[in-house]
Protein backbone atom coordinates (compact mmCIF):
# COMPACT_ATOMS: atom_id res chain seq x y z
CA MET A 1 3.62 -14.15 24.57
CA ASN A 2 4.57 -11.09 25.74
CA ILE A 3 5.29 -8.55 22.79
CA LYS A 4 7.62 -6.48 25.00
CA GLU A 5 9.81 -8.61 26.32
CA ASN A 6 10.61 -10.62 22.98
CA GLN A 7 12.39 -10.33 20.24
CA GLU A 8 10.81 -13.00 17.64
CA PHE A 9 7.72 -14.40 16.69
CA GLU A 10 6.72 -17.51 14.31
CA ASP A 11 3.23 -18.89 13.45
CA LEU A 12 1.36 -16.59 16.29
CA GLU A 13 -1.77 -14.93 16.50
CA PHE A 14 -1.49 -11.33 17.95
CA LYS A 15 -5.41 -10.31 18.66
CA GLU A 16 -6.49 -6.95 19.60
CA ILE A 17 -3.20 -5.22 20.32
CA GLN A 18 -3.69 -1.61 21.83
CA ASN A 19 -1.37 0.72 22.29
CA GLU A 20 2.22 -0.90 22.42
CA LYS A 21 3.91 2.31 20.75
CA ASP A 22 7.36 0.84 20.66
CA ILE A 23 7.66 -2.63 18.58
CA THR A 24 11.27 -1.98 17.29
CA GLY A 25 14.04 -4.68 16.11
CA LYS A 26 11.36 -7.13 16.02
CA LYS A 27 10.69 -10.49 13.75
CA PHE A 28 7.65 -12.12 12.81
CA TYR A 29 7.22 -14.60 11.19
CA SER A 30 4.00 -16.77 8.99
CA CYS A 31 2.00 -14.50 12.21
CA THR A 32 -1.51 -12.82 12.18
CA PHE A 33 -2.28 -9.84 13.72
CA THR A 34 -6.81 -8.95 13.63
CA ALA A 35 -8.11 -5.77 15.30
CA CYS A 36 -4.88 -4.30 16.40
CA SER A 37 -4.04 -0.79 16.27
CA PHE A 38 -0.25 -0.08 15.57
CA SER A 39 -1.41 3.75 15.68
CA GLU A 40 1.54 6.13 15.82
CA SER A 41 3.72 3.10 16.41
CA ASP A 42 7.83 2.84 15.55
CA LEU A 43 8.07 -0.18 13.97
CA SER A 44 11.25 0.67 12.61
CA GLY A 45 14.10 -1.99 11.88
CA SER A 46 11.73 -5.04 12.27
CA LEU A 47 10.48 -7.95 10.18
CA PHE A 48 7.32 -9.28 9.26
CA SER A 49 7.49 -12.03 6.52
CA GLU A 50 4.51 -14.19 5.65
CA CYS A 51 2.39 -12.27 8.04
CA ILE A 52 -1.48 -10.74 7.58
CA PHE A 53 -3.20 -8.53 9.23
CA THR A 54 -6.74 -8.27 9.06
CA ASP A 55 -8.34 -5.06 10.17
CA CYS A 56 -5.56 -3.61 11.82
CA ASN A 57 -5.42 0.37 12.26
CA PHE A 58 -1.74 1.93 11.05
CA SER A 59 -2.75 5.33 11.05
CA LEU A 60 0.90 7.26 11.37
CA THR A 61 2.85 3.80 12.00
CA LYS A 62 6.40 4.57 12.05
CA LEU A 63 8.56 1.98 9.17
CA ILE A 64 11.74 3.73 9.51
CA GLU A 65 13.79 -0.14 7.61
CA THR A 66 10.60 -2.22 8.31
CA LYS A 67 11.51 -5.23 6.45
CA LEU A 68 8.15 -6.16 4.86
CA HIS A 69 8.57 -9.78 3.07
CA GLU A 70 4.91 -11.43 1.53
CA VAL A 71 3.16 -8.74 3.89
CA LYS A 72 -0.69 -8.93 3.78
CA PHE A 73 -2.42 -6.01 4.39
CA ASN A 74 -7.03 -6.85 4.75
CA SER A 75 -9.64 -4.49 5.33
CA CYS A 76 -6.70 -2.59 6.74
CA LYS A 77 -6.98 1.56 7.83
CA ILE A 78 -3.24 3.11 6.56
CA MET A 79 -3.37 7.08 7.34
CA GLY A 80 0.57 8.73 6.77
CA VAL A 81 2.36 6.43 6.33
CA ASP A 82 6.09 7.12 4.46
CA PHE A 83 6.14 4.26 2.91
CA THR A 84 9.44 5.43 1.36
CA GLN A 85 11.34 4.51 4.63
CA ILE A 86 11.30 0.85 4.39
CA SER A 87 13.94 -1.43 3.85
CA LYS A 88 13.72 -1.08 -0.04
CA MET A 89 15.68 -4.51 0.28
CA ILE A 90 12.69 -6.95 0.36
CA VAL A 91 8.92 -5.84 -0.83
CA GLU A 92 6.11 -8.04 -1.65
CA VAL A 93 3.44 -5.77 -0.45
CA ARG A 94 -1.09 -6.72 -0.48
CA PHE A 95 -3.60 -4.31 -0.11
CA ASN A 96 -7.59 -5.76 0.37
CA GLU A 97 -10.28 -3.78 1.24
CA SER A 98 -8.02 -1.40 2.75
CA ARG A 99 -8.47 2.73 3.48
CA ILE A 100 -5.11 4.06 2.14
CA SER A 101 -5.28 7.83 2.78
CA LYS A 102 -2.09 10.10 2.26
CA CYS A 103 0.44 7.47 1.99
CA ASN A 104 3.93 8.10 0.13
CA PHE A 105 4.92 5.01 -2.07
CA SER A 106 7.25 7.22 -4.08
CA SER A 107 10.22 5.67 -5.64
CA LEU A 108 9.55 2.12 -4.46
CA ASP A 109 9.48 -1.23 -6.60
CA LEU A 110 5.91 -2.24 -6.03
CA ALA A 111 6.54 -3.86 -9.53
CA GLU A 112 3.02 -6.80 -9.82
CA THR A 113 1.21 -5.31 -6.27
CA GLU A 114 -1.99 -5.77 -5.09
CA PHE A 115 -4.49 -2.80 -4.24
CA THR A 116 -7.40 -4.64 -4.84
CA GLN A 117 -10.89 -2.72 -3.35
CA CYS A 118 -9.16 -0.41 -1.88
CA GLN A 119 -9.85 3.17 -0.80
CA ILE A 120 -6.63 5.07 -1.75
CA ASP A 121 -7.02 8.79 -1.32
CA GLN A 122 -4.35 11.14 -1.51
CA SER A 123 -1.45 9.08 -1.50
CA ASP A 124 1.38 9.64 -3.78
CA PHE A 125 3.58 7.47 -6.64
CA TYR A 126 5.89 9.54 -7.35
CA ASN A 127 9.24 7.91 -9.60
CA THR A 128 6.71 4.56 -8.45
CA ILE A 129 7.60 0.96 -10.55
CA LEU A 130 4.21 -0.15 -10.31
CA GLN A 131 4.33 -2.71 -13.83
CA SER A 132 1.56 -5.54 -13.93
CA ALA A 133 0.23 -3.92 -10.01
CA ASP A 134 -3.50 -4.42 -9.65
CA PHE A 135 -5.69 -1.27 -8.64
CA SER A 136 -9.04 -3.14 -9.67
CA GLY A 137 -12.48 -1.91 -8.19
CA SER A 138 -10.54 0.91 -5.91
CA ASP A 139 -11.46 4.42 -5.89
CA LEU A 140 -8.41 6.49 -5.81
CA LYS A 141 -9.28 10.01 -5.46
CA ASP A 142 -7.69 13.20 -5.42
CA THR A 143 -3.74 10.19 -5.84
CA ILE A 144 -1.17 11.32 -7.80
CA PHE A 145 0.48 9.35 -10.38
CA GLU A 146 3.96 11.02 -11.70
CA ASN A 147 6.41 9.53 -13.47
CA THR A 148 5.33 6.31 -12.70
CA ASP A 149 5.34 2.94 -14.55
CA LEU A 150 1.87 1.27 -14.98
CA ARG A 151 2.83 -1.07 -18.05
CA LYS A 152 -0.07 -3.63 -17.72
CA ALA A 153 -1.25 -2.40 -14.42
CA ASP A 154 -4.63 -3.10 -14.26
CA PHE A 155 -7.38 -0.66 -13.43
CA SER A 156 -10.45 -2.33 -13.94
CA GLY A 157 -13.35 -1.10 -12.57
CA ALA A 158 -11.53 1.76 -10.70
CA GLN A 159 -12.41 5.40 -10.04
CA ASN A 160 -11.61 9.09 -9.50
CA TYR A 161 -8.40 8.18 -10.82
CA ALA A 162 -6.12 10.67 -12.12
CA VAL A 163 -3.18 9.05 -15.30
CA ASN A 164 -1.31 11.33 -17.45
CA PRO A 165 -0.65 9.36 -20.43
CA LEU A 166 1.84 11.59 -21.18
CA THR A 167 3.74 11.53 -18.18
CA ASN A 168 3.24 8.13 -17.05
CA LYS A 169 4.37 4.79 -19.00
CA ILE A 170 0.71 3.10 -19.75
CA LYS A 171 1.73 0.81 -22.08
CA GLY A 172 -0.60 -2.57 -21.72
CA ALA A 173 -2.22 -0.87 -18.56
CA VAL A 174 -6.55 -1.85 -18.51
CA PHE A 175 -8.82 0.82 -17.71
CA SER A 176 -12.79 1.08 -18.02
CA LEU A 177 -14.78 2.75 -19.62
CA PRO A 178 -16.36 5.43 -18.03
CA GLU A 179 -13.49 6.05 -15.68
CA ALA A 180 -10.91 5.52 -19.05
CA VAL A 181 -12.25 9.09 -20.65
CA ARG A 182 -9.80 10.59 -17.73
CA LEU A 183 -7.02 9.81 -19.89
CA LEU A 184 -8.00 12.65 -21.83
CA ASP A 185 -7.97 15.42 -19.58
CA PRO A 186 -4.33 16.31 -20.63
CA PHE A 187 -4.88 16.90 -24.01
CA GLU A 188 -7.51 19.02 -23.26
CA ILE A 189 -10.21 18.13 -25.78
CA LYS A 190 -14.16 18.06 -25.61
CA ILE A 191 -15.46 14.67 -26.09
CA SER A 192 -19.34 14.57 -27.26
C-alpha cells in the first residue's frame, strides 16, 4: 500500500520505510512499523492508534499536533524530538529498550507511562506529570526532572538519575540502592 497516496491505514505492517519525509495528516489504526526510518520526517497532524514501532529511527521527527493513542516504541532511536508539540487530547505511549536522546517531554501528562530498560539522556521533564510512571532499568544520564510529579514512579534498577526531592514530588516513588543515595545530593551532606 502506498503511504503517499492513501490517507487511512488499518491492520497493516510496514517494513523498512525510508526517506518518506511528508507523512502529514494520515491515520494509522493497529499498524506495525518495523525497521523504518522517520528521520527528519514530518508526521504532523497524523493519528497513530494502537500502533507498534520496532527498531525505528525518529531522529529530528516533527510531531506537531500528532495524536499518539496506545503507541509502543520498542528498541527505537528517538533523538531531538519535541514531544511538547503533540496533541494533548490523548497521549498514551510506551517506550521499551529505546534510545531517547535530547527530547522534550515538558508539561505533558504522562502518568503511568512506561520508559523501561531505556537509555534516556539529555532529555527534559519540566512540569511533567509522571505519576506511577515506570523508569525501571533505565539509564537517565543528564536528564532533567524539575517541578515534576513523580509520585509512585518506579526507578528500580534505574541509574544516573538526578531527582531533587526539594523540587519534585516523589512521595511513594521506588528507588534502588546504591543509586538512591543521589537523592541526597541537594542537601550537600556527606555519607561515610
